[in-house]
């Protein structure tokens, strides 16, 4: 059995489920276009990826969106709207709380932008309360599944790759983690995750 010494969780759709459609629909209504057009400007153009890699800041994101959409949305409205897409996976909280209670080292390894991250911390302070380390794409300049961000996570965990478990909902990110030696788990449900972790020697008291 692999003895896991550190556990990283993905943020989006693991700890915080999200729906980009909420944001694209709201923005579309304000500027009078279709949600699919807003999606094209933010995602298909590569704008969100630049934001999540830290290649542009919040001002740059807003300016670029204004150029693409030929609109002048208020920056605060735009950043808040693209970030107000998350909810808390409350079924997962007891599992994470148990890990925290027994001082099991846990962190977040996430592709995210500064707007989403700051919004998440303000709306869900439990995230910062439960986790000890944060490896975020916009801070390290690399996104999963690139090897560099996993290597940064391993440096933070300070354990051998096979003793560092990573939980993510996207298969390409799990594959990327495995390629650098991490022990990956593809997240599907809280129940499935508990079983996967127990099989790797992580015990719970609930």
Protein backbone atom coordinates (compact mmCIF):
# COMPACT_ATOMS: atom_id res chain seq x y z
CA UNK A 1 0.00 0.00 0.00
CA UNK A 2 1.24 3.50 -0.86
CA UNK A 3 1.68 5.62 2.26
CA UNK A 4 0.36 9.07 1.42
CA UNK A 5 2.03 11.90 3.31
CA UNK A 6 0.48 14.90 1.57
CA UNK A 7 -2.83 15.51 -0.20
CA UNK A 8 -3.56 18.23 -2.77
CA UNK A 9 -7.11 19.05 -3.86
CA UNK A 10 -8.22 20.84 -7.00
CA UNK A 11 -10.49 23.82 -6.27
CA UNK A 12 -13.04 24.07 -9.09
CA UNK A 13 -15.66 21.32 -9.32
CA UNK A 14 -14.09 19.50 -6.38
CA UNK A 15 -14.23 21.90 -3.43
CA UNK A 16 -16.18 24.61 -5.25
CA UNK A 17 -18.50 23.47 -8.06
CA UNK A 18 -18.98 26.20 -10.66
CA UNK A 19 -20.96 27.12 -13.74
CA UNK A 20 -19.47 29.60 -16.22
CA UNK A 21 -22.87 29.78 -17.89
CA UNK A 22 -24.18 31.86 -14.99
CA UNK A 23 -21.63 34.56 -15.77
CA UNK A 24 -21.86 34.48 -19.55
CA UNK A 25 -25.65 34.74 -19.42
CA UNK A 26 -25.62 37.70 -17.03
CA UNK A 27 -23.00 39.59 -19.03
CA UNK A 28 -24.81 38.81 -22.30
CA UNK A 29 -28.03 40.29 -20.95
CA UNK A 30 -26.29 43.53 -19.97
CA UNK A 31 -24.52 44.16 -23.27
CA UNK A 32 -27.18 42.68 -25.55
CA UNK A 33 -25.44 39.69 -27.10
CA UNK A 34 -25.72 35.92 -26.83
CA UNK A 35 -24.07 33.94 -24.01
CA UNK A 36 -22.17 31.98 -26.64
CA UNK A 37 -20.61 35.21 -27.88
CA UNK A 38 -19.50 36.13 -24.36
CA UNK A 39 -18.06 32.64 -23.99
CA UNK A 40 -16.10 33.12 -27.22
CA UNK A 41 -14.64 36.41 -26.02
CA UNK A 42 -13.59 35.09 -22.61
CA UNK A 43 -12.69 31.46 -23.25
CA UNK A 44 -12.31 30.71 -26.95
CA UNK A 45 -10.06 33.74 -27.40
CA UNK A 46 -7.66 32.48 -24.74
CA UNK A 47 -8.35 35.48 -22.49
CA UNK A 48 -9.28 33.42 -19.43
CA UNK A 49 -6.22 31.21 -19.87
CA UNK A 50 -3.97 34.29 -19.94
CA UNK A 51 -5.67 35.48 -16.75
CA UNK A 52 -5.21 32.11 -15.03
CA UNK A 53 -1.54 31.93 -16.03
CA UNK A 54 -0.93 35.36 -14.56
CA UNK A 55 0.06 36.78 -17.94
CA UNK A 56 -2.40 39.64 -17.46
CA UNK A 57 -3.80 41.26 -14.31
CA UNK A 58 -7.36 42.27 -13.52
CA UNK A 59 -7.08 45.58 -15.36
CA UNK A 60 -5.64 43.81 -18.38
CA UNK A 61 -8.47 41.28 -18.35
CA UNK A 62 -11.11 43.99 -18.24
CA UNK A 63 -9.43 46.08 -20.94
CA UNK A 64 -9.06 43.10 -23.25
CA UNK A 65 -12.71 42.10 -22.75
CA UNK A 66 -13.78 45.65 -23.58
CA UNK A 67 -11.74 45.51 -26.79
CA UNK A 68 -13.11 42.14 -27.85
CA UNK A 69 -16.72 42.99 -27.04
CA UNK A 70 -16.59 46.67 -28.02
CA UNK A 71 -18.27 47.44 -24.70
CA UNK A 72 -17.41 49.45 -21.63
CA UNK A 73 -18.64 47.33 -18.76
CA UNK A 74 -17.69 48.53 -15.31
CA UNK A 75 -14.55 46.65 -14.25
CA UNK A 76 -15.94 45.76 -10.83
CA UNK A 77 -19.14 44.42 -12.36
CA UNK A 78 -17.24 42.31 -14.89
CA UNK A 79 -14.81 40.81 -12.38
CA UNK A 80 -17.53 40.11 -9.83
CA UNK A 81 -19.82 38.56 -12.44
CA UNK A 82 -17.19 36.22 -13.91
CA UNK A 83 -16.31 35.17 -10.34
CA UNK A 84 -19.79 34.75 -8.85
CA UNK A 85 -20.13 31.24 -10.29
CA UNK A 86 -19.15 29.06 -7.34
CA UNK A 87 -20.92 27.08 -4.65
CA UNK A 88 -19.48 25.04 -1.79
CA UNK A 89 -19.35 21.25 -1.99
CA UNK A 90 -20.76 20.84 1.51
CA UNK A 91 -20.67 17.04 1.34
CA UNK A 92 -16.89 17.23 1.04
CA UNK A 93 -16.35 19.51 4.04
CA UNK A 94 -16.55 16.77 6.73
CA UNK A 95 -13.88 14.71 4.97
CA UNK A 96 -11.53 17.69 4.67
CA UNK A 97 -12.31 18.79 8.22
CA UNK A 98 -11.34 15.36 9.50
CA UNK A 99 -8.02 15.54 7.68
CA UNK A 100 -7.43 18.97 9.19
CA UNK A 101 -8.39 17.77 12.66
CA UNK A 102 -5.69 15.09 12.63
CA UNK A 103 -3.14 17.51 11.13
CA UNK A 104 -2.88 15.63 7.85
CA UNK A 105 -1.07 17.97 5.43
CA UNK A 106 -3.51 19.22 2.78
CA UNK A 107 -3.31 21.94 0.16
CA UNK A 108 -5.00 23.32 -2.92
CA UNK A 109 -3.49 22.95 -6.40
CA UNK A 110 -5.63 24.88 -8.83
CA UNK A 111 -5.85 26.58 -12.19
CA UNK A 112 -7.40 29.89 -11.21
CA UNK A 113 -7.13 33.64 -11.66
CA UNK A 114 -6.74 36.29 -8.99
CA UNK A 115 -10.36 37.42 -9.39
CA UNK A 116 -11.76 33.93 -8.79
CA UNK A 117 -9.38 33.26 -5.92
CA UNK A 118 -10.10 36.48 -4.03
CA UNK A 119 -13.83 36.01 -4.57
CA UNK A 120 -13.65 32.43 -3.28
CA UNK A 121 -11.79 33.43 -0.13
CA UNK A 122 -14.29 36.19 0.61
CA UNK A 123 -17.39 34.11 -0.12
CA UNK A 124 -16.09 30.84 1.34
CA UNK A 125 -13.62 31.65 4.16
CA UNK A 126 -13.68 27.98 5.12
CA UNK A 127 -11.32 27.35 2.19
CA UNK A 128 -8.53 29.32 3.82
CA UNK A 129 -9.40 27.90 7.24
CA UNK A 130 -9.12 24.26 6.17
CA UNK A 131 -6.09 24.26 3.89
CA UNK A 132 -2.48 24.99 4.71
CA UNK A 133 -0.88 25.49 1.29
CA UNK A 134 -2.02 27.01 -1.99
CA UNK A 135 -0.37 26.41 -5.36
CA UNK A 136 -2.25 28.62 -7.82
CA UNK A 137 -1.67 28.89 -11.54
CA UNK A 138 -1.78 32.68 -11.73
CA UNK A 139 0.92 32.90 -9.06
CA UNK A 140 3.30 30.29 -10.47
CA UNK A 141 2.76 31.14 -14.15
CA UNK A 142 1.83 27.60 -15.13
CA UNK A 143 -1.40 25.65 -15.52
CA UNK A 144 -2.27 22.00 -15.11
CA UNK A 145 -1.53 19.70 -16.86
CA UNK A 146 1.91 21.30 -17.44
CA UNK A 147 4.62 19.58 -15.42
CA UNK A 148 5.95 22.79 -13.88
CA UNK A 149 2.94 23.45 -11.64
CA UNK A 150 3.04 19.90 -10.26
CA UNK A 151 6.75 20.30 -9.57
CA UNK A 152 6.02 23.48 -7.65
CA UNK A 153 3.39 21.61 -5.66
CA UNK A 154 5.87 18.88 -4.83
CA UNK A 155 8.34 21.50 -3.63
CA UNK A 156 5.68 22.84 -1.30
CA UNK A 157 4.69 19.38 -0.05
CA UNK A 158 8.35 18.37 0.44
CA UNK A 159 7.58 14.67 0.04
CA UNK A 160 8.44 12.07 -2.58
CA UNK A 161 6.09 12.25 -5.59
CA UNK A 162 4.54 8.83 -4.96
CA UNK A 163 3.65 9.93 -1.43
CA UNK A 164 1.82 13.02 -2.67
CA UNK A 165 -1.78 12.42 -3.69
CA UNK A 166 -3.63 14.80 -6.00
CA UNK A 167 -7.43 14.91 -6.42
CA UNK A 168 -8.86 16.50 -9.57
CA UNK A 169 -12.06 16.17 -11.60
CA UNK A 170 -10.40 16.47 -15.03
CA UNK A 171 -8.76 13.44 -16.58
CA UNK A 172 -6.04 15.46 -18.33
CA UNK A 173 -4.95 16.95 -15.01
CA UNK A 174 -4.87 13.54 -13.37
CA UNK A 175 -2.78 12.21 -16.26
CA UNK A 176 -0.44 15.19 -15.95
CA UNK A 177 0.01 14.57 -12.24
CA UNK A 178 0.77 10.90 -12.82
CA UNK A 179 3.37 11.80 -15.45
CA UNK A 180 5.50 13.56 -12.83
CA UNK A 181 5.05 10.76 -10.31
CA UNK A 182 2.20 11.95 -8.12
CA UNK A 183 -0.46 9.53 -6.92
CA UNK A 184 -3.60 10.81 -8.69
CA UNK A 185 -7.28 10.37 -7.94
CA UNK A 186 -9.98 11.30 -10.47
CA UNK A 187 -12.74 12.91 -8.40
CA UNK A 188 -16.29 11.72 -9.08
CA UNK A 189 -18.06 11.89 -5.73
CA UNK A 190 -17.32 12.30 -2.03
CA UNK A 191 -18.14 8.64 -1.42
CA UNK A 192 -15.80 7.49 -4.18
CA UNK A 193 -13.05 9.81 -2.94
CA UNK A 194 -13.27 8.44 0.61
CA UNK A 195 -12.86 4.90 -0.71
CA UNK A 196 -9.94 5.93 -2.94
CA UNK A 197 -8.16 7.61 -0.03
CA UNK A 198 -8.74 4.72 2.37
CA UNK A 199 -7.23 2.40 -0.23
CA UNK A 200 -4.16 4.61 -0.10
CA UNK A 201 -3.87 4.43 3.67
CA UNK A 202 -5.63 7.67 4.56
CA UNK A 203 -7.98 6.95 7.47
CA UNK A 204 -11.04 8.80 8.73
CA UNK A 205 -13.02 8.60 11.97
CA UNK A 206 -16.48 9.22 10.47
